[in-house]
Protein backbone atom coordinates (compact mmCIF):
# COMPACT_ATOMS: atom_id res chain seq x y z
CA UNK A 1 -48.56 168.54 18.99
CA UNK A 2 -45.55 169.59 16.95
CA UNK A 3 -45.99 170.16 13.27
CA UNK A 4 -43.18 167.62 12.83
CA UNK A 5 -45.60 164.95 14.12
CA UNK A 6 -48.59 163.20 12.59
CA UNK A 7 -50.82 161.63 15.33
CA UNK A 8 -52.79 158.49 14.84
CA UNK A 9 -55.47 157.42 17.44
CA UNK A 10 -56.29 153.74 17.86
CA UNK A 11 -59.19 151.92 16.45
CA UNK A 12 -60.50 149.27 18.89
CA UNK A 13 -60.71 145.79 17.40
CA UNK A 14 -62.40 142.79 19.09
CA UNK A 15 -60.32 139.79 18.44
CA UNK A 16 -62.67 137.30 20.27
CA UNK A 17 -62.43 137.50 23.91
CA UNK A 18 -60.08 140.51 24.15
CA UNK A 19 -59.47 143.89 22.60
CA UNK A 20 -56.60 145.23 20.49
CA UNK A 21 -55.90 148.87 19.74
CA UNK A 22 -55.15 149.07 15.95
CA UNK A 23 -52.88 151.94 14.86
CA UNK A 24 -51.83 150.71 11.32
CA UNK A 25 -53.16 150.88 8.79
CA UNK A 26 -55.13 153.97 9.61
CA UNK A 27 -57.58 156.16 7.73
CA UNK A 28 -54.59 158.46 6.91
CA UNK A 29 -51.59 156.31 6.84
CA UNK A 30 -50.89 152.73 5.50
CA UNK A 31 -47.22 152.06 6.25
CA UNK A 32 -44.41 153.39 8.46
CA UNK A 33 -41.24 152.07 6.78
CA UNK A 34 -42.20 148.46 6.10
CA UNK A 35 -44.53 148.26 9.04
CA UNK A 36 -48.17 147.83 7.55
CA UNK A 37 -49.99 146.61 10.72
CA UNK A 38 -49.59 147.53 14.41
CA UNK A 39 -51.80 146.16 17.11
CA UNK A 40 -51.46 146.76 20.87
CA UNK A 41 -52.91 143.54 22.37
CA UNK A 42 -54.64 143.99 25.75
CA UNK A 43 -53.65 143.87 28.51
CA UNK A 44 -56.46 141.30 28.68
CA UNK A 45 -57.18 139.19 31.83
CA UNK A 46 -58.59 135.62 31.28
CA UNK A 47 -60.22 133.66 34.16
CA UNK A 48 -59.22 129.98 34.74
CA UNK A 49 -60.31 127.86 31.85
CA UNK A 50 -60.22 130.68 29.37
CA UNK A 51 -57.57 132.09 27.11
CA UNK A 52 -56.64 133.26 23.45
CA UNK A 53 -57.89 131.02 20.78
CA UNK A 54 -57.04 132.45 17.38
CA UNK A 55 -57.86 129.66 14.92
CA UNK A 56 -55.71 128.89 11.95
CA UNK A 57 -55.80 131.53 9.15
CA UNK A 58 -53.54 132.34 6.21
CA UNK A 59 -51.04 135.15 5.28
CA UNK A 60 -49.08 135.96 2.20
CA UNK A 61 -46.32 138.44 1.21
CA UNK A 62 -45.58 139.68 4.77
CA UNK A 63 -43.84 138.80 8.07
CA UNK A 64 -45.65 138.76 11.34
CA UNK A 65 -43.80 139.79 14.51
CA UNK A 66 -44.98 139.04 17.99
CA UNK A 67 -43.58 140.67 21.10
CA UNK A 68 -45.12 140.21 24.54
CA UNK A 69 -44.88 142.41 27.65
CA UNK A 70 -46.94 139.86 29.65
CA UNK A 71 -48.39 136.40 29.12
CA UNK A 72 -47.71 133.37 27.01
CA UNK A 73 -48.92 132.31 23.46
CA UNK A 74 -48.43 129.14 21.62
CA UNK A 75 -47.59 129.50 17.91
CA UNK A 76 -48.29 126.63 15.48
CA UNK A 77 -48.02 126.91 11.60
CA UNK A 78 -48.36 124.92 8.36
CA UNK A 79 -44.58 124.36 8.10
CA UNK A 80 -44.53 122.38 11.26
CA UNK A 81 -43.35 125.13 13.80
CA UNK A 82 -44.58 124.83 17.37
CA UNK A 83 -43.30 127.54 19.75
CA UNK A 84 -44.33 129.17 22.93
CA UNK A 85 -43.42 132.88 23.18
CA UNK A 86 -43.00 134.60 26.54
CA UNK A 87 -42.24 138.32 27.53
CA UNK A 88 -39.18 139.77 25.79
CA UNK A 89 -38.85 137.09 23.20
CA UNK A 90 -39.46 137.53 19.44
CA UNK A 91 -41.54 135.31 17.10
CA UNK A 92 -40.83 136.10 13.50
CA UNK A 93 -42.87 134.37 10.87
CA UNK A 94 -42.27 135.09 7.20
CA UNK A 95 -45.39 134.13 5.24
CA UNK A 96 -43.81 134.77 1.76
CA UNK A 97 -45.81 132.64 -0.90
CA UNK A 98 -48.07 131.64 1.92
CA UNK A 99 -48.37 130.20 5.41
CA UNK A 100 -51.19 129.30 7.95
CA UNK A 101 -50.87 129.61 11.65
CA UNK A 102 -52.77 129.68 14.90
CA UNK A 103 -52.13 131.51 18.30
CA UNK A 104 -53.50 130.03 21.41
CA UNK A 105 -52.99 130.21 25.24
CA UNK A 106 -51.05 126.95 26.03
CA UNK A 107 -53.15 124.24 27.77
CA UNK A 108 -51.02 124.34 30.97
CA UNK A 109 -51.59 128.03 31.36
CA UNK A 110 -55.40 127.84 31.36
CA UNK A 111 -55.72 126.37 34.85
CA UNK A 112 -55.02 129.76 36.28
CA UNK A 113 -55.80 133.43 35.63
CA UNK A 114 -53.66 134.64 32.89
CA UNK A 115 -52.93 138.07 31.29
CA UNK A 116 -51.96 138.83 27.64
CA UNK A 117 -50.23 142.05 26.76
CA UNK A 118 -48.02 142.83 23.97
CA UNK A 119 -47.53 144.17 20.39
CA UNK A 120 -48.42 142.37 17.07
CA UNK A 121 -46.94 143.86 13.81
CA UNK A 122 -46.72 142.95 10.31
CA UNK A 123 -43.92 143.76 7.98
CA UNK A 124 -44.40 144.04 4.22
CA UNK A 125 -41.76 142.30 2.30
CA UNK A 126 -39.78 144.02 -0.50
CA UNK A 127 -41.05 143.29 -4.07
CA UNK A 128 -38.25 140.72 -4.75
CA UNK A 129 -39.02 138.77 -1.51
CA UNK A 130 -42.77 138.72 -1.50
CA UNK A 131 -42.97 135.15 -2.87
CA UNK A 132 -40.14 133.87 -0.70
CA UNK A 133 -40.38 130.41 0.95
CA UNK A 134 -42.25 130.68 4.27
CA UNK A 135 -40.14 130.25 7.48
CA UNK A 136 -40.32 130.74 11.23
CA UNK A 137 -37.79 131.71 13.87
CA UNK A 138 -37.87 132.31 17.62
CA UNK A 139 -35.44 134.45 19.54
CA UNK A 140 -35.45 134.40 23.35
CA UNK A 141 -35.12 137.64 25.20
CA UNK A 142 -31.46 136.80 25.99
CA UNK A 143 -30.55 137.07 22.38
CA UNK A 144 -31.81 140.66 21.86
CA UNK A 145 -29.50 143.52 22.27
CA UNK A 146 -30.44 145.35 25.60
CA UNK A 147 -28.75 148.38 27.19
CA UNK A 148 -29.36 151.19 29.66
CA UNK A 149 -28.41 154.84 29.47
CA UNK A 150 -29.20 157.58 32.08
CA UNK A 151 -32.46 156.06 33.32
CA UNK A 152 -33.49 154.74 29.86
CA UNK A 153 -33.71 150.99 29.13
CA UNK A 154 -33.71 149.73 25.55
CA UNK A 155 -34.45 146.45 23.97
CA UNK A 156 -33.80 146.21 20.15
CA UNK A 157 -36.43 143.89 18.92
CA UNK A 158 -35.38 143.98 15.29
CA UNK A 159 -33.35 146.09 12.77
CA UNK A 160 -30.62 148.64 13.91
CA UNK A 161 -30.63 151.46 16.46
CA UNK A 162 -28.00 153.45 18.39
CA UNK A 163 -25.12 151.36 16.90
CA UNK A 164 -26.83 148.03 17.78
CA UNK A 165 -28.18 145.33 15.48
CA UNK A 166 -30.75 142.71 16.39
CA UNK A 167 -30.11 139.15 15.45
CA UNK A 168 -33.58 138.84 14.05
CA UNK A 169 -33.46 138.50 10.33
CA UNK A 170 -35.11 141.22 8.26
CA UNK A 171 -35.65 141.78 4.64
CA UNK A 172 -35.26 145.58 4.66
CA UNK A 173 -33.70 148.30 6.87
CA UNK A 174 -35.85 148.91 9.96
CA UNK A 175 -36.00 150.03 13.55
CA UNK A 176 -38.14 148.15 16.28
CA UNK A 177 -37.31 149.31 19.64
CA UNK A 178 -38.96 148.81 23.06
CA UNK A 179 -37.99 151.61 25.54
CA UNK A 180 -38.68 152.07 29.16
CA UNK A 181 -37.94 155.41 30.77
CA UNK A 182 -37.45 156.12 34.46
CA UNK A 183 -39.13 159.33 35.97
CA UNK A 184 -37.18 162.40 34.82
CA UNK A 185 -35.27 160.55 32.06
CA UNK A 186 -34.95 161.42 28.36
CA UNK A 187 -33.17 160.32 25.16
CA UNK A 188 -32.85 161.64 21.77
CA UNK A 189 -34.09 159.55 18.81
CA UNK A 190 -31.93 160.27 15.78
CA UNK A 191 -33.22 160.41 12.15
CA UNK A 192 -31.30 157.25 11.25
CA UNK A 193 -34.37 155.87 9.27
CA UNK A 194 -36.41 157.64 6.54
CA UNK A 195 -39.58 156.88 8.41
CA UNK A 196 -40.13 156.60 12.12
CA UNK A 197 -42.95 156.57 14.70
CA UNK A 198 -43.33 156.46 18.41
CA UNK A 199 -46.15 154.45 20.14
CA UNK A 200 -47.09 155.42 23.73
CA UNK A 201 -47.74 152.16 25.50
CA UNK A 202 -48.29 154.14 28.77
CA UNK A 203 -48.98 157.64 29.71
CA UNK A 204 -46.30 160.18 30.81
CA UNK A 205 -44.37 160.62 27.69
CA UNK A 206 -43.23 163.93 26.09
CA UNK A 207 -41.88 164.46 22.53
CA UNK A 208 -39.89 167.70 22.30
CA UNK A 209 -41.50 168.74 25.49
CA UNK A 210 -45.11 168.34 24.25
CA UNK A 211 -47.31 165.51 26.14
CA UNK A 212 -48.10 162.47 24.07
CA UNK A 213 -51.34 160.87 25.13
CA UNK A 214 -51.41 157.09 25.99
CA UNK A 215 -52.14 154.80 23.08
CA UNK A 216 -51.13 157.15 20.35
CA UNK A 217 -48.81 156.63 17.35
CA UNK A 218 -46.82 159.73 16.59
CA UNK A 219 -45.42 159.52 13.05
CA UNK A 220 -42.36 161.76 12.72
CA UNK A 221 -41.56 163.95 9.76
CA UNK A 222 -38.92 162.63 7.39
CA UNK A 223 -35.57 163.53 8.73
CA UNK A 224 -36.78 164.49 12.13
CA UNK A 225 -34.74 163.99 15.28
CA UNK A 226 -36.71 164.32 18.51
CA UNK A 227 -36.30 164.33 22.39
CA UNK A 228 -38.45 161.70 24.11
CA UNK A 229 -38.83 162.26 27.98
CA UNK A 230 -40.90 161.06 30.86
CA UNK A 231 -41.95 162.81 34.00
CA UNK A 232 -43.08 159.41 35.48
CA UNK A 233 -42.20 155.80 34.71
CA UNK A 234 -43.26 155.24 30.94
CA UNK A 235 -42.89 152.98 28.04
CA UNK A 236 -42.87 153.45 24.29
CA UNK A 237 -42.17 151.46 21.16
CA UNK A 238 -40.19 152.92 18.22
CA UNK A 239 -40.98 151.54 14.69
CA UNK A 240 -39.85 152.61 11.23
CA UNK A 241 -37.38 151.97 8.38
CA UNK A 242 -37.02 152.42 4.74
CA UNK A 243 -40.10 152.36 2.49
CA UNK A 244 -40.86 149.30 0.56
CA UNK A 245 -43.40 150.86 -1.84
CA UNK A 246 -47.11 150.86 -1.99
CA UNK A 247 -48.88 147.81 -0.67
CA UNK A 248 -52.45 146.48 -0.70
CA UNK A 249 -54.07 144.87 2.22
CA UNK A 250 -57.30 142.77 2.34
CA UNK A 251 -58.08 140.66 5.55
CA UNK A 252 -54.75 138.87 6.34
CA UNK A 253 -53.24 139.29 2.85
CA UNK A 254 -50.65 141.96 1.81
CA UNK A 255 -49.29 142.33 -1.59
CA UNK A 256 -48.05 144.72 -4.25
CA UNK A 257 -50.48 143.23 -6.70
CA UNK A 258 -54.31 143.00 -6.48
CA UNK A 259 -54.42 139.82 -8.55
CA UNK A 260 -52.13 138.10 -6.03
CA UNK A 261 -54.62 138.89 -3.25
CA UNK A 262 -57.44 137.57 -5.37
CA UNK A 263 -55.63 134.33 -5.96
CA UNK A 264 -54.88 134.11 -2.15
CA UNK A 265 -58.59 134.46 -1.63
CA UNK A 266 -59.47 131.50 -3.92
CA UNK A 267 -56.62 129.41 -2.46
CA UNK A 268 -57.96 129.77 0.98
CA UNK A 269 -61.57 128.93 -0.01
CA UNK A 270 -60.45 125.99 -1.88
CA UNK A 271 -58.08 124.57 0.67
CA UNK A 272 -54.88 125.08 -1.15
CA UNK A 273 -53.05 126.52 1.69
CA UNK A 274 -51.13 124.08 4.08
CA UNK A 275 -52.57 122.57 7.12
CA UNK A 276 -51.61 123.43 10.72
CA UNK A 277 -50.67 120.07 12.64
CA UNK A 278 -52.95 119.38 15.54
CA UNK A 279 -55.52 121.94 14.46
CA UNK A 280 -58.88 120.99 13.01
CA UNK A 281 -60.53 124.57 13.08
CA UNK A 282 -59.94 127.39 10.69
CA UNK A 283 -61.22 131.06 10.12
CA UNK A 284 -63.20 131.11 6.99
CA UNK A 285 -62.76 133.82 4.40
CA UNK A 286 -64.82 136.88 5.47
CA UNK A 287 -67.45 138.39 3.38
CA UNK A 288 -66.43 141.69 1.78
CA UNK A 289 -68.17 143.72 4.43
CA UNK A 290 -66.38 141.84 7.20
CA UNK A 291 -62.86 142.03 5.66
CA UNK A 292 -61.45 144.25 8.44
CA UNK A 293 -61.60 141.50 10.85
CA UNK A 294 -57.95 140.72 11.75
CA UNK A 295 -56.69 137.68 13.61
CA UNK A 296 -53.26 137.77 14.94
């Protein structure tokens, strides 16, 4: 692999009934731009009667971004949002000073075999926005910029790329791009953002002529512009943006201050976060030794 790339291999996480490949944070890197968390979910197949059941849990000082390739999830949160997300759409939830949410397979989907496949990311908020009021927004696939060029199909999930701007509201400059390549196609990723990384959803990708194994996050050197090509049908996701500064992460809490995370722990234990309507379950605060368990 080129010396212009830093390669991250996934850490497999059990999310209760299905697996996720976790690329960020890693042992060697915490953030790429504002992205502090990157999970590749599935693909997981659930038999009739089964599905995803991520119980209510809290977040602070970050935004969660859900983007599916396949399947359906029902989002509920403590500010009253209830929203199904389907492939190609975006659920953006800003936790700010604190929010609680759950993610489940909708009841009407559980009568049949279902598949879940997608990307879950967390975006660290800039210092001045960490304690903003929580909010949630859904953007259907039809709202996102999508275009094709010489066998390459692009969808801009959030941020800016190739002169396009996503309608998804962000707090700092970023790129979040879903790219599908036809056999023999290629494109050049310019160095428009200070920090950028390419995730290989599938096999078959090459960066500057060097093969990128499936399920790897290739972090580019600052200022690097690279050629991404595919000998067979392939898919990748590009993330990045401008740095927001150092961040601490414990369980579902992200902040620039350790005492803020300590207060969030106490608030969750003492029931000071909000309640998710129609939910009676919750994920308790983990023990110190279990803090790496990460719900969606």
